[in-house]
């Protein structure tokens, strides 16, 4: 049964990549092709992630089966991040007329998967895009929280989860001032943290638990500095 599942997912990945590769043979240097190029980027970035996560639910996050798609994702991402950088260029964030309704979702997901230096480089560009009404605040929030977690700091808006090997489960990366997190989220137009986590990760937010986790995290962080 395990072999059948893996074979099916491998065929799914292969078909998706072949379809995307033949669908958009356009030059990324021409803005009129951005939507088509971004469609290919989305498919090649997200398909191995989706299949990896399916196998994680079946066999676990550290399984050999899941690692097959993690490797495929890494290979595709190395190509996709170069394409996204080309689309973004050096100046203004592209508007929806150039990148389509899905464009910012694709661009920000690929940036989210990039190395920290790349993500930090684009934060000022993302902030300006939010001010220019070209980018929703939720994308900026996600990027900022991801950078905070990578630096070993408390996240602000609670968008980042982490797999904890000691419990073999996922949990929220510790949050700054959990009591007021919904207030911060509401100020920029986001749903409550409980709604977000349930809808996005099927995870239940318990305030008292998260207060304790954040306090323990900060205590350990300060002790190690």
N, C-alpha and C. Protein backbone atom coordinates (compact mmCIF):
# COMPACT_ATOMS: atom_id res chain seq x y z
N UNK A 1 0.84 -1.20 0.00
CA UNK A 1 0.00 0.00 0.00
C UNK A 1 0.88 1.26 0.00
N UNK A 2 1.94 1.25 0.78
CA UNK A 2 2.84 2.40 0.84
C UNK A 2 3.45 2.67 -0.53
N UNK A 3 3.84 1.62 -1.25
CA UNK A 3 4.43 1.77 -2.57
C UNK A 3 3.43 2.39 -3.53
N UNK A 4 2.17 1.97 -3.45
CA UNK A 4 1.13 2.50 -4.34
C UNK A 4 0.92 3.98 -4.09
N UNK A 5 0.89 4.39 -2.81
CA UNK A 5 0.70 5.81 -2.47
C UNK A 5 1.84 6.64 -3.03
N UNK A 6 3.07 6.19 -2.82
CA UNK A 6 4.24 6.94 -3.29
C UNK A 6 4.26 7.02 -4.81
N UNK A 7 3.95 5.91 -5.49
CA UNK A 7 3.93 5.90 -6.96
C UNK A 7 2.90 6.88 -7.50
N UNK A 8 1.73 6.89 -6.88
CA UNK A 8 0.67 7.81 -7.30
C UNK A 8 1.11 9.26 -7.15
N UNK A 9 1.73 9.59 -6.03
CA UNK A 9 2.16 10.96 -5.79
C UNK A 9 3.30 11.36 -6.71
N UNK A 10 4.19 10.42 -7.01
CA UNK A 10 5.28 10.71 -7.95
C UNK A 10 4.73 11.03 -9.33
N UNK A 11 3.74 10.26 -9.77
CA UNK A 11 3.11 10.51 -11.07
C UNK A 11 2.41 11.85 -11.08
N UNK A 12 1.78 12.20 -9.96
CA UNK A 12 1.11 13.49 -9.85
C UNK A 12 2.10 14.64 -9.99
N UNK A 13 3.24 14.52 -9.30
CA UNK A 13 4.27 15.55 -9.36
C UNK A 13 4.83 15.68 -10.76
N UNK A 14 5.09 14.54 -11.40
CA UNK A 14 5.67 14.54 -12.74
C UNK A 14 4.73 15.17 -13.75
N UNK A 15 3.45 14.81 -13.68
CA UNK A 15 2.46 15.36 -14.61
C UNK A 15 2.30 16.85 -14.43
N UNK A 16 2.29 17.29 -13.18
CA UNK A 16 2.14 18.72 -12.89
C UNK A 16 3.30 19.51 -13.44
N UNK A 17 4.53 19.01 -13.25
CA UNK A 17 5.71 19.72 -13.72
C UNK A 17 5.78 19.74 -15.23
N UNK A 18 5.42 18.63 -15.87
CA UNK A 18 5.45 18.58 -17.32
C UNK A 18 4.43 19.52 -17.93
N UNK A 19 3.24 19.56 -17.31
CA UNK A 19 2.17 20.44 -17.78
C UNK A 19 2.58 21.89 -17.64
N UNK A 20 3.18 22.25 -16.51
CA UNK A 20 3.58 23.63 -16.28
C UNK A 20 4.71 24.03 -17.21
N UNK A 21 5.62 23.09 -17.45
CA UNK A 21 6.77 23.39 -18.29
C UNK A 21 6.35 23.67 -19.73
N UNK A 22 5.32 22.96 -20.24
CA UNK A 22 4.88 23.14 -21.62
C UNK A 22 3.87 24.26 -21.73
N UNK A 23 3.28 24.67 -20.64
CA UNK A 23 2.21 25.66 -20.67
C UNK A 23 2.73 27.08 -20.82
N UNK A 24 3.91 27.38 -20.27
CA UNK A 24 4.38 28.76 -20.26
C UNK A 24 5.83 28.89 -20.72
N UNK A 25 6.11 28.68 -22.03
CA UNK A 25 7.47 28.83 -22.53
C UNK A 25 7.77 30.28 -22.87
N UNK A 26 7.47 31.21 -21.92
CA UNK A 26 7.60 32.63 -22.20
C UNK A 26 8.85 33.21 -21.55
N UNK A 27 9.34 34.28 -22.14
CA UNK A 27 10.47 35.01 -21.56
C UNK A 27 9.98 35.83 -20.37
N UNK A 28 10.71 35.74 -19.28
CA UNK A 28 10.33 36.48 -18.07
C UNK A 28 10.69 37.95 -18.18
N UNK A 29 11.42 38.32 -19.23
CA UNK A 29 11.84 39.71 -19.39
C UNK A 29 10.72 40.62 -19.87
N UNK A 30 9.63 40.03 -20.33
CA UNK A 30 8.52 40.81 -20.86
C UNK A 30 7.35 40.80 -19.90
N UNK A 31 6.93 41.97 -19.39
CA UNK A 31 5.85 42.05 -18.40
C UNK A 31 4.55 41.38 -18.83
N UNK A 32 4.28 41.35 -20.14
CA UNK A 32 3.03 40.73 -20.60
C UNK A 32 3.00 39.23 -20.33
N UNK A 33 4.16 38.65 -19.99
CA UNK A 33 4.23 37.22 -19.71
C UNK A 33 4.20 36.89 -18.21
N UNK A 34 4.17 37.92 -17.36
CA UNK A 34 4.31 37.68 -15.92
C UNK A 34 3.25 36.72 -15.38
N UNK A 35 2.01 36.88 -15.78
CA UNK A 35 0.94 36.03 -15.24
C UNK A 35 1.19 34.57 -15.58
N UNK A 36 1.57 34.30 -16.82
CA UNK A 36 1.84 32.92 -17.23
C UNK A 36 3.03 32.34 -16.49
N UNK A 37 4.09 33.14 -16.36
CA UNK A 37 5.29 32.67 -15.65
C UNK A 37 4.96 32.39 -14.19
N UNK A 38 4.19 33.28 -13.57
CA UNK A 38 3.83 33.09 -12.15
C UNK A 38 2.95 31.87 -11.96
N UNK A 39 2.13 31.54 -12.94
CA UNK A 39 1.32 30.32 -12.86
C UNK A 39 2.21 29.08 -12.81
N UNK A 40 3.25 29.07 -13.64
CA UNK A 40 4.20 27.96 -13.64
C UNK A 40 4.95 27.90 -12.31
N UNK A 41 5.36 29.05 -11.82
CA UNK A 41 6.06 29.10 -10.53
C UNK A 41 5.18 28.52 -9.43
N UNK A 42 3.92 28.91 -9.39
CA UNK A 42 3.01 28.42 -8.35
C UNK A 42 2.90 26.90 -8.39
N UNK A 43 2.71 26.35 -9.59
CA UNK A 43 2.54 24.90 -9.71
C UNK A 43 3.79 24.14 -9.29
N UNK A 44 4.95 24.59 -9.73
CA UNK A 44 6.17 23.86 -9.43
C UNK A 44 6.63 24.06 -7.99
N UNK A 45 6.22 25.16 -7.37
CA UNK A 45 6.58 25.41 -5.97
C UNK A 45 5.65 24.67 -5.02
N UNK A 46 4.35 24.69 -5.33
CA UNK A 46 3.36 24.20 -4.38
C UNK A 46 3.06 22.71 -4.52
N UNK A 47 3.17 22.15 -5.71
CA UNK A 47 2.82 20.73 -5.87
C UNK A 47 3.68 19.81 -5.00
N UNK A 48 5.01 19.92 -5.02
CA UNK A 48 5.80 19.04 -4.14
C UNK A 48 5.54 19.31 -2.65
N UNK A 49 5.24 20.58 -2.30
CA UNK A 49 4.91 20.88 -0.90
C UNK A 49 3.63 20.18 -0.50
N UNK A 50 2.62 20.24 -1.37
CA UNK A 50 1.34 19.60 -1.07
C UNK A 50 1.50 18.08 -0.93
N UNK A 51 2.26 17.49 -1.84
CA UNK A 51 2.47 16.04 -1.77
C UNK A 51 3.32 15.64 -0.57
N UNK A 52 4.32 16.46 -0.25
CA UNK A 52 5.12 16.22 0.95
C UNK A 52 4.25 16.22 2.20
N UNK A 53 3.39 17.22 2.30
CA UNK A 53 2.53 17.32 3.48
C UNK A 53 1.54 16.17 3.57
N UNK A 54 1.10 15.66 2.42
CA UNK A 54 0.21 14.49 2.42
C UNK A 54 0.92 13.28 3.02
N UNK A 55 2.19 13.12 2.67
CA UNK A 55 2.96 11.99 3.18
C UNK A 55 3.34 12.19 4.65
N UNK A 56 3.52 13.44 5.04
CA UNK A 56 3.80 13.71 6.45
C UNK A 56 2.62 13.24 7.31
N UNK A 57 1.41 13.51 6.83
CA UNK A 57 0.22 13.09 7.58
C UNK A 57 0.11 11.58 7.67
N UNK A 58 0.66 10.89 6.68
CA UNK A 58 0.57 9.41 6.67
C UNK A 58 1.74 8.78 7.41
N UNK A 59 2.97 9.24 7.10
CA UNK A 59 4.17 8.55 7.58
C UNK A 59 5.00 9.35 8.59
N UNK A 60 4.70 10.64 8.76
CA UNK A 60 5.47 11.45 9.70
C UNK A 60 6.41 12.41 9.01
N UNK A 61 6.75 13.49 9.71
CA UNK A 61 7.56 14.57 9.13
C UNK A 61 8.99 14.14 8.81
N UNK A 62 9.49 13.11 9.48
CA UNK A 62 10.87 12.70 9.29
C UNK A 62 10.99 11.45 8.42
N UNK A 63 9.92 11.10 7.73
CA UNK A 63 9.92 9.88 6.92
C UNK A 63 10.70 10.05 5.62
N UNK A 64 11.21 8.94 5.09
CA UNK A 64 11.90 8.96 3.80
C UNK A 64 10.94 9.35 2.68
N UNK A 65 9.68 8.94 2.83
CA UNK A 65 8.69 9.25 1.81
C UNK A 65 8.50 10.76 1.66
N UNK A 66 8.38 11.45 2.78
CA UNK A 66 8.21 12.90 2.74
C UNK A 66 9.45 13.59 2.19
N UNK A 67 10.62 13.04 2.46
CA UNK A 67 11.87 13.64 2.02
C UNK A 67 12.00 13.66 0.50
N UNK A 68 11.36 12.70 -0.18
CA UNK A 68 11.39 12.69 -1.64
C UNK A 68 10.87 14.00 -2.20
N UNK A 69 9.76 14.46 -1.66
CA UNK A 69 9.13 15.68 -2.15
C UNK A 69 9.78 16.93 -1.59
N UNK A 70 10.40 16.81 -0.44
CA UNK A 70 11.16 17.94 0.08
C UNK A 70 12.33 18.25 -0.85
N UNK A 71 12.98 17.22 -1.37
CA UNK A 71 14.09 17.41 -2.30
C UNK A 71 13.59 18.00 -3.62
N UNK A 72 12.44 17.54 -4.09
CA UNK A 72 11.86 18.07 -5.33
C UNK A 72 11.52 19.55 -5.15
N UNK A 73 10.97 19.87 -4.00
CA UNK A 73 10.63 21.26 -3.71
C UNK A 73 11.88 22.15 -3.72
N UNK A 74 12.95 21.70 -3.06
CA UNK A 74 14.17 22.50 -3.00
C UNK A 74 14.73 22.78 -4.40
N UNK A 75 14.70 21.78 -5.24
CA UNK A 75 15.20 21.91 -6.61
C UNK A 75 14.38 22.94 -7.37
N UNK A 76 13.06 22.85 -7.28
CA UNK A 76 12.19 23.79 -7.99
C UNK A 76 12.32 25.21 -7.44
N UNK A 77 12.46 25.30 -6.11
CA UNK A 77 12.52 26.63 -5.50
C UNK A 77 13.75 27.41 -5.96
N UNK A 78 14.86 26.72 -6.16
CA UNK A 78 16.09 27.38 -6.60
C UNK A 78 15.88 28.09 -7.94
N UNK A 79 15.03 27.52 -8.77
CA UNK A 79 14.70 28.14 -10.06
C UNK A 79 13.67 29.24 -9.87
N UNK A 80 12.67 28.97 -9.04
CA UNK A 80 11.56 29.92 -8.87
C UNK A 80 11.98 31.24 -8.23
N UNK A 81 12.89 31.19 -7.27
CA UNK A 81 13.28 32.43 -6.60
C UNK A 81 14.00 33.35 -7.58
N UNK A 82 14.75 32.80 -8.51
CA UNK A 82 15.41 33.63 -9.53
C UNK A 82 14.38 34.31 -10.42
N UNK A 83 13.33 33.57 -10.78
CA UNK A 83 12.28 34.15 -11.61
C UNK A 83 11.54 35.27 -10.88
N UNK A 84 11.26 35.05 -9.60
CA UNK A 84 10.55 36.07 -8.82
C UNK A 84 11.39 37.34 -8.70
N UNK A 85 12.68 37.17 -8.48
CA UNK A 85 13.56 38.35 -8.40
C UNK A 85 13.55 39.13 -9.71
N UNK A 86 13.52 38.42 -10.82
CA UNK A 86 13.47 39.08 -12.12
C UNK A 86 12.16 39.85 -12.29
N UNK A 87 11.06 39.28 -11.85
CA UNK A 87 9.76 39.94 -11.96
C UNK A 87 9.71 41.19 -11.09
N UNK A 88 10.25 41.11 -9.89
CA UNK A 88 10.22 42.25 -8.98
C UNK A 88 11.15 43.36 -9.41
N UNK A 89 12.22 43.01 -10.10
CA UNK A 89 13.15 44.02 -10.56
C UNK A 89 13.78 44.78 -9.41
N UNK A 90 14.05 46.06 -9.65
CA UNK A 90 14.77 46.86 -8.65
C UNK A 90 13.93 47.99 -8.06
N UNK A 91 12.73 48.24 -8.58
CA UNK A 91 12.02 49.44 -8.16
C UNK A 91 10.60 49.13 -7.69
N UNK A 92 9.59 49.62 -8.42
CA UNK A 92 8.21 49.51 -7.95
C UNK A 92 7.70 48.07 -7.97
N UNK A 93 6.88 47.75 -6.96
CA UNK A 93 6.21 46.43 -6.91
C UNK A 93 5.20 46.38 -8.06
N UNK A 94 5.17 45.28 -8.84
CA UNK A 94 4.24 45.23 -9.98
C UNK A 94 2.78 45.22 -9.53
N UNK A 95 1.94 45.91 -10.29
CA UNK A 95 0.52 45.97 -9.98
C UNK A 95 -0.23 44.75 -10.47
N UNK A 96 -1.48 44.64 -10.06
CA UNK A 96 -2.29 43.46 -10.39
C UNK A 96 -2.49 43.28 -11.88
N UNK A 97 -2.49 44.39 -12.62
CA UNK A 97 -2.70 44.27 -14.06
C UNK A 97 -1.57 43.47 -14.72
N UNK A 98 -0.39 43.48 -14.10
CA UNK A 98 0.76 42.74 -14.63
C UNK A 98 0.85 41.32 -14.10
N UNK A 99 0.50 41.13 -12.83
CA UNK A 99 0.74 39.83 -12.21
C UNK A 99 -0.55 39.05 -11.91
N UNK A 100 -1.70 39.66 -12.12
CA UNK A 100 -2.96 38.95 -11.90
C UNK A 100 -3.35 38.86 -10.43
N UNK A 101 -4.54 38.34 -10.18
CA UNK A 101 -5.05 38.23 -8.82
C UNK A 101 -4.21 37.28 -7.96
N UNK A 102 -3.65 36.25 -8.57
CA UNK A 102 -2.85 35.25 -7.86
C UNK A 102 -1.41 35.68 -7.68
N UNK A 103 -1.00 36.74 -8.38
CA UNK A 103 0.41 37.09 -8.44
C UNK A 103 1.08 37.31 -7.11
N UNK A 104 0.48 38.13 -6.24
CA UNK A 104 1.11 38.41 -4.94
C UNK A 104 1.18 37.17 -4.06
N UNK A 105 0.19 36.30 -4.17
CA UNK A 105 0.22 35.06 -3.40
C UNK A 105 1.44 34.24 -3.80
N UNK A 106 1.64 34.10 -5.10
CA UNK A 106 2.78 33.33 -5.61
C UNK A 106 4.11 33.97 -5.23
N UNK A 107 4.24 35.27 -5.48
CA UNK A 107 5.50 35.97 -5.20
C UNK A 107 5.85 35.87 -3.73
N UNK A 108 4.88 36.13 -2.85
CA UNK A 108 5.17 36.15 -1.41
C UNK A 108 5.43 34.76 -0.86
N UNK A 109 4.80 33.74 -1.43
CA UNK A 109 5.09 32.38 -0.99
C UNK A 109 6.52 31.98 -1.35
N UNK A 110 6.95 32.34 -2.53
CA UNK A 110 8.32 32.00 -2.94
C UNK A 110 9.33 32.79 -2.09
N UNK A 111 9.05 34.07 -1.85
CA UNK A 111 9.94 34.85 -0.99
C UNK A 111 9.98 34.27 0.42
N UNK A 112 8.84 33.79 0.89
CA UNK A 112 8.77 33.22 2.23
C UNK A 112 9.68 32.00 2.36
N UNK A 113 9.88 31.30 1.27
CA UNK A 113 10.71 30.09 1.28
C UNK A 113 12.19 30.39 1.01
N UNK A 114 12.51 31.66 0.75
CA UNK A 114 13.90 32.03 0.41
C UNK A 114 14.77 32.11 1.66
N UNK A 115 16.07 32.32 1.45
CA UNK A 115 16.99 32.49 2.56
C UNK A 115 16.70 33.80 3.27
N UNK A 116 17.20 33.92 4.50
CA UNK A 116 16.87 35.07 5.34
C UNK A 116 17.33 36.39 4.73
N UNK A 117 18.50 36.41 4.16
CA UNK A 117 19.02 37.65 3.58
C UNK A 117 18.10 38.16 2.47
N UNK A 118 17.60 37.25 1.66
CA UNK A 118 16.68 37.64 0.59
C UNK A 118 15.39 38.18 1.16
N UNK A 119 14.85 37.50 2.16
CA UNK A 119 13.58 37.94 2.75
C UNK A 119 13.72 39.31 3.41
N UNK A 120 14.83 39.53 4.12
CA UNK A 120 15.03 40.83 4.76
C UNK A 120 15.21 41.93 3.71
N UNK A 121 15.83 41.60 2.61
CA UNK A 121 16.04 42.59 1.55
C UNK A 121 14.72 43.12 1.01
N UNK A 122 13.72 42.24 0.92
CA UNK A 122 12.45 42.63 0.30
C UNK A 122 11.44 43.22 1.30
N UNK A 123 11.73 43.22 2.59
CA UNK A 123 10.80 43.79 3.56
C UNK A 123 10.49 45.26 3.27
N UNK A 124 11.48 46.13 3.05
CA UNK A 124 11.16 47.52 2.72
C UNK A 124 10.30 47.65 1.46
N UNK A 125 10.58 46.81 0.46
CA UNK A 125 9.78 46.83 -0.77
C UNK A 125 8.34 46.41 -0.48
N UNK A 126 8.18 45.42 0.38
CA UNK A 126 6.84 44.96 0.74
C UNK A 126 6.09 46.04 1.52
N UNK A 127 6.79 46.72 2.43
CA UNK A 127 6.15 47.79 3.20
C UNK A 127 5.64 48.89 2.28
N UNK A 128 6.47 49.27 1.30
CA UNK A 128 6.06 50.31 0.36
C UNK A 128 4.89 49.83 -0.50
N UNK A 129 4.91 48.56 -0.87
CA UNK A 129 3.82 48.01 -1.67
C UNK A 129 2.50 48.03 -0.89
N UNK A 130 2.58 47.78 0.42
CA UNK A 130 1.38 47.86 1.26
C UNK A 130 0.87 49.31 1.28
N UNK A 131 1.76 50.27 1.44
CA UNK A 131 1.37 51.68 1.44
C UNK A 131 0.78 52.10 0.10
N UNK A 132 1.29 51.50 -0.98
CA UNK A 132 0.81 51.82 -2.32
C UNK A 132 -0.44 51.03 -2.71
N UNK A 133 -0.96 50.24 -1.75
CA UNK A 133 -2.17 49.43 -2.00
C UNK A 133 -1.96 48.38 -3.08
N UNK A 134 -0.71 47.94 -3.23
CA UNK A 134 -0.41 46.89 -4.19
C UNK A 134 -0.27 45.52 -3.52
N UNK A 135 -0.20 45.51 -2.19
CA UNK A 135 0.03 44.28 -1.45
C UNK A 135 -0.78 44.31 -0.16
N UNK A 136 -1.43 43.20 0.16
CA UNK A 136 -2.19 43.11 1.40
C UNK A 136 -1.24 42.99 2.59
N UNK A 137 -1.65 43.57 3.72
CA UNK A 137 -0.81 43.57 4.92
C UNK A 137 -0.48 42.17 5.40
N UNK A 138 -1.37 41.21 5.15
CA UNK A 138 -1.15 39.85 5.66
C UNK A 138 0.14 39.24 5.11
N UNK A 139 0.52 39.62 3.91
CA UNK A 139 1.76 39.08 3.33
C UNK A 139 2.98 39.65 4.04
N UNK A 140 2.93 40.92 4.35
CA UNK A 140 4.03 41.56 5.08
C UNK A 140 4.16 40.97 6.47
N UNK A 141 3.02 40.78 7.14
CA UNK A 141 3.00 40.20 8.49
C UNK A 141 3.64 38.82 8.51
N UNK A 142 3.26 38.02 7.55
CA UNK A 142 3.80 36.66 7.47
C UNK A 142 5.31 36.70 7.32
N UNK A 143 5.79 37.59 6.46
CA UNK A 143 7.23 37.70 6.23
C UNK A 143 7.96 38.17 7.48
N UNK A 144 7.40 39.14 8.17
CA UNK A 144 8.05 39.66 9.38
C UNK A 144 8.10 38.60 10.47
N UNK A 145 7.02 37.84 10.64
CA UNK A 145 7.01 36.78 11.66
C UNK A 145 8.01 35.69 11.34
N UNK A 146 8.14 35.38 10.07
CA UNK A 146 9.08 34.33 9.68
C UNK A 146 10.51 34.76 9.98
N UNK A 147 10.83 36.00 9.70
CA UNK A 147 12.17 36.50 9.98
C UNK A 147 12.45 36.47 11.48
N UNK A 148 11.44 36.87 12.28
CA UNK A 148 11.61 36.86 13.75
C UNK A 148 11.89 35.46 14.26
N UNK A 149 11.18 34.48 13.74
CA UNK A 149 11.40 33.10 14.21
C UNK A 149 12.78 32.61 13.82
N UNK A 150 13.21 32.96 12.61
CA UNK A 150 14.54 32.53 12.17
C UNK A 150 15.65 33.16 12.99
N UNK A 151 15.38 34.34 13.57
CA UNK A 151 16.35 35.00 14.41
C UNK A 151 16.26 34.53 15.87
N UNK A 152 15.31 33.64 16.13
CA UNK A 152 15.15 33.16 17.50
C UNK A 152 14.44 34.14 18.40
N UNK A 153 13.60 35.00 17.81
CA UNK A 153 12.87 35.99 18.58
C UNK A 153 11.38 35.64 18.62
N UNK A 154 10.65 36.28 19.51
CA UNK A 154 9.20 36.09 19.56
C UNK A 154 8.57 36.68 18.31
N UNK A 155 7.59 35.95 17.75
CA UNK A 155 6.88 36.51 16.61
C UNK A 155 5.77 37.44 17.10
N UNK A 156 5.30 38.31 16.23
CA UNK A 156 4.37 39.35 16.62
C UNK A 156 2.91 38.99 16.35
N UNK A 157 2.66 38.34 15.22
CA UNK A 157 1.28 38.12 14.80
C UNK A 157 0.84 36.65 14.83
N UNK A 158 1.75 35.73 15.10
CA UNK A 158 1.38 34.33 15.31
C UNK A 158 1.17 33.49 14.08
N UNK A 159 1.75 33.89 12.95
CA UNK A 159 1.52 33.14 11.73
C UNK A 159 2.42 31.93 11.52
N UNK A 160 3.45 31.77 12.37
CA UNK A 160 4.43 30.71 12.14
C UNK A 160 4.27 29.54 13.10
N UNK A 161 4.27 28.36 12.51
CA UNK A 161 4.23 27.11 13.28
C UNK A 161 5.60 26.44 13.19
N UNK A 162 5.85 25.52 14.13
CA UNK A 162 7.10 24.78 14.13
C UNK A 162 6.84 23.34 14.53
N UNK A 163 7.59 22.42 13.94
CA UNK A 163 7.52 21.02 14.33
C UNK A 163 8.50 20.79 15.47
N UNK A 164 7.99 20.24 16.58
CA UNK A 164 8.82 19.97 17.76
C UNK A 164 9.06 18.45 17.87
N UNK A 165 10.29 18.02 17.56
CA UNK A 165 10.59 16.58 17.58
C UNK A 165 10.33 15.93 18.93
N UNK A 166 10.55 16.68 20.02
CA UNK A 166 10.38 16.09 21.35
C UNK A 166 8.94 15.67 21.63
N UNK A 167 7.98 16.37 21.01
CA UNK A 167 6.57 16.00 21.18
C UNK A 167 6.00 15.38 19.91
N UNK A 168 6.80 15.39 18.84
CA UNK A 168 6.36 14.89 17.53
C UNK A 168 5.05 15.54 17.10
N UNK A 169 5.00 16.86 17.26
CA UNK A 169 3.80 17.61 16.91
C UNK A 169 4.16 19.05 16.54
N UNK A 170 3.21 19.72 15.89
CA UNK A 170 3.39 21.12 15.54
C UNK A 170 2.77 22.01 16.60
N UNK A 171 3.37 23.19 16.80
CA UNK A 171 2.81 24.16 17.72
C UNK A 171 3.20 25.55 17.23
N UNK A 172 2.53 26.56 17.75
CA UNK A 172 2.83 27.94 17.37
C UNK A 172 4.21 28.32 17.91
N UNK A 173 5.00 28.99 17.05
CA UNK A 173 6.24 29.56 17.56
C UNK A 173 5.84 30.61 18.60
N UNK A 174 6.51 30.65 19.75
CA UNK A 174 6.12 31.57 20.83
C UNK A 174 5.89 33.01 20.36
N UNK A 175 4.86 33.62 20.95
CA UNK A 175 4.37 34.92 20.50
C UNK A 175 4.64 36.01 21.54
N UNK A 176 4.98 37.19 21.07
CA UNK A 176 5.12 38.35 21.95
C UNK A 176 3.74 38.75 22.48
N UNK A 177 3.62 38.94 23.79
CA UNK A 177 2.40 39.42 24.42
C UNK A 177 1.16 38.72 23.87
N UNK A 178 1.01 37.43 24.12
CA UNK A 178 -0.13 36.67 23.58
C UNK A 178 -1.49 37.25 23.95
N UNK A 179 -1.58 37.89 25.11
CA UNK A 179 -2.87 38.43 25.55
C UNK A 179 -3.43 39.43 24.55
N UNK A 180 -2.55 40.21 23.94
CA UNK A 180 -2.99 41.28 23.03
C UNK A 180 -2.79 40.96 21.55
N UNK A 181 -2.57 39.71 21.23
CA UNK A 181 -2.29 39.37 19.84
C UNK A 181 -3.46 39.66 18.92
N UNK A 182 -4.69 39.42 19.40
CA UNK A 182 -5.85 39.69 18.55
C UNK A 182 -6.02 41.18 18.28
N UNK A 183 -5.64 42.00 19.23
CA UNK A 183 -5.71 43.45 19.04
C UNK A 183 -4.74 43.87 17.94
N UNK A 184 -3.52 43.32 17.98
CA UNK A 184 -2.53 43.66 16.96
C UNK A 184 -3.00 43.18 15.59
N UNK A 185 -3.56 41.99 15.55
CA UNK A 185 -4.02 41.44 14.28
C UNK A 185 -5.18 42.25 13.71
N UNK A 186 -6.10 42.65 14.57
CA UNK A 186 -7.26 43.43 14.12
C UNK A 186 -6.85 44.77 13.55
N UNK A 187 -5.80 45.36 14.10
CA UNK A 187 -5.35 46.68 13.65
C UNK A 187 -4.92 46.69 12.19
N UNK A 188 -4.51 45.53 11.68
CA UNK A 188 -4.11 45.47 10.27
C UNK A 188 -5.07 44.61 9.45
N UNK A 189 -6.25 44.37 10.01
CA UNK A 189 -7.30 43.71 9.24
C UNK A 189 -7.25 42.20 9.20
N UNK A 190 -6.60 41.57 10.17
CA UNK A 190 -6.50 40.11 10.20
C UNK A 190 -7.54 39.50 11.13
N UNK A 191 -7.90 38.23 10.85
CA UNK A 191 -8.80 37.49 11.73
C UNK A 191 -8.12 37.24 13.07
N UNK A 192 -8.89 36.78 14.06
CA UNK A 192 -8.31 36.42 15.35
C UNK A 192 -7.32 35.29 15.15
N UNK A 193 -6.39 35.16 16.08
CA UNK A 193 -5.38 34.11 15.98
C UNK A 193 -6.02 32.72 16.04
N UNK A 194 -7.08 32.57 16.83
CA UNK A 194 -7.76 31.27 16.93
C UNK A 194 -8.39 30.88 15.59
N UNK A 195 -9.04 31.84 14.93
CA UNK A 195 -9.65 31.57 13.63
C UNK A 195 -8.59 31.24 12.59
N UNK A 196 -7.53 32.02 12.57
CA UNK A 196 -6.47 31.80 11.59
C UNK A 196 -5.84 30.41 11.73
N UNK A 197 -5.46 30.05 12.96
CA UNK A 197 -4.79 28.77 13.18
C UNK A 197 -5.70 27.59 12.88
N UNK A 198 -6.96 27.73 13.20
CA UNK A 198 -7.91 26.64 12.95
C UNK A 198 -8.12 26.46 11.45
N UNK A 199 -8.29 27.56 10.75
CA UNK A 199 -8.54 27.48 9.31
C UNK A 199 -7.30 27.08 8.53
N UNK A 200 -6.15 27.57 8.96
CA UNK A 200 -4.92 27.33 8.20
C UNK A 200 -4.25 26.02 8.56
N UNK A 201 -4.23 25.67 9.84
CA UNK A 201 -3.48 24.50 10.29
C UNK A 201 -4.32 23.47 11.05
N UNK A 202 -5.62 23.74 11.22
CA UNK A 202 -6.47 22.90 12.06
C UNK A 202 -5.87 22.74 13.45
N UNK A 203 -5.39 23.86 13.98
CA UNK A 203 -4.72 23.89 15.28
C UNK A 203 -5.56 24.74 16.23
N UNK A 204 -5.69 24.26 17.47
CA UNK A 204 -6.48 24.97 18.48
C UNK A 204 -5.60 25.86 19.34
N UNK A 205 -5.95 27.13 19.41
CA UNK A 205 -5.21 28.13 20.19
C UNK A 205 -5.75 28.15 21.61
N UNK A 206 -4.86 27.94 22.59
CA UNK A 206 -5.23 28.02 24.00
C UNK A 206 -4.37 29.11 24.63
N UNK A 207 -4.99 30.22 25.00
CA UNK A 207 -4.26 31.39 25.45
C UNK A 207 -3.35 31.10 26.64
N UNK A 208 -3.86 30.43 27.66
CA UNK A 208 -3.05 30.18 28.86
C UNK A 208 -1.81 29.35 28.53
N UNK A 209 -1.99 28.36 27.67
CA UNK A 209 -0.85 27.53 27.27
C UNK A 209 0.19 28.38 26.55
N UNK A 210 -0.27 29.26 25.64
CA UNK A 210 0.67 30.05 24.86
C UNK A 210 1.36 31.12 25.70
N UNK A 211 0.68 31.63 26.72
CA UNK A 211 1.33 32.57 27.64
C UNK A 211 2.50 31.88 28.34
N UNK A 212 2.28 30.67 28.80
CA UNK A 212 3.33 29.92 29.49
C UNK A 212 4.48 29.60 28.55
N UNK A 213 4.16 29.22 27.32
CA UNK A 213 5.20 28.88 26.36
C UNK A 213 6.05 30.11 26.01
N UNK A 214 5.40 31.25 25.85
CA UNK A 214 6.13 32.48 25.52
C UNK A 214 7.03 32.92 26.67
N UNK A 215 6.53 32.81 27.90
CA UNK A 215 7.33 33.18 29.07
C UNK A 215 8.55 32.27 29.21
N UNK A 216 8.34 30.97 29.00
CA UNK A 216 9.45 30.02 29.10
C UNK A 216 10.48 30.27 28.00
N UNK A 217 9.98 30.60 26.80
CA UNK A 217 10.86 30.87 25.66
C UNK A 217 11.74 32.09 25.95
N UNK A 218 11.14 33.17 26.44
CA UNK A 218 11.90 34.39 26.71
C UNK A 218 12.90 34.18 27.85
N UNK A 219 12.51 33.42 28.85
CA UNK A 219 13.40 33.14 29.96
C UNK A 219 14.64 32.38 29.49
N UNK A 220 14.43 31.39 28.64
CA UNK A 220 15.54 30.60 28.12
C UNK A 220 16.40 31.44 27.18
N UNK A 221 15.76 32.27 26.35
CA UNK A 221 16.49 33.10 25.39
C UNK A 221 17.41 34.08 26.13
N UNK A 222 16.91 34.71 27.18
CA UNK A 222 17.69 35.68 27.93
C UNK A 222 18.83 35.00 28.69
N UNK A 223 18.58 33.77 29.14
CA UNK A 223 19.61 33.03 29.87
C UNK A 223 20.77 32.65 28.95
N UNK A 224 20.45 32.47 27.67
CA UNK A 224 21.47 32.04 26.72
C UNK A 224 22.20 33.20 26.05
N UNK A 225 21.72 34.42 26.29
CA UNK A 225 22.36 35.61 25.68
C UNK A 225 23.41 36.22 26.61
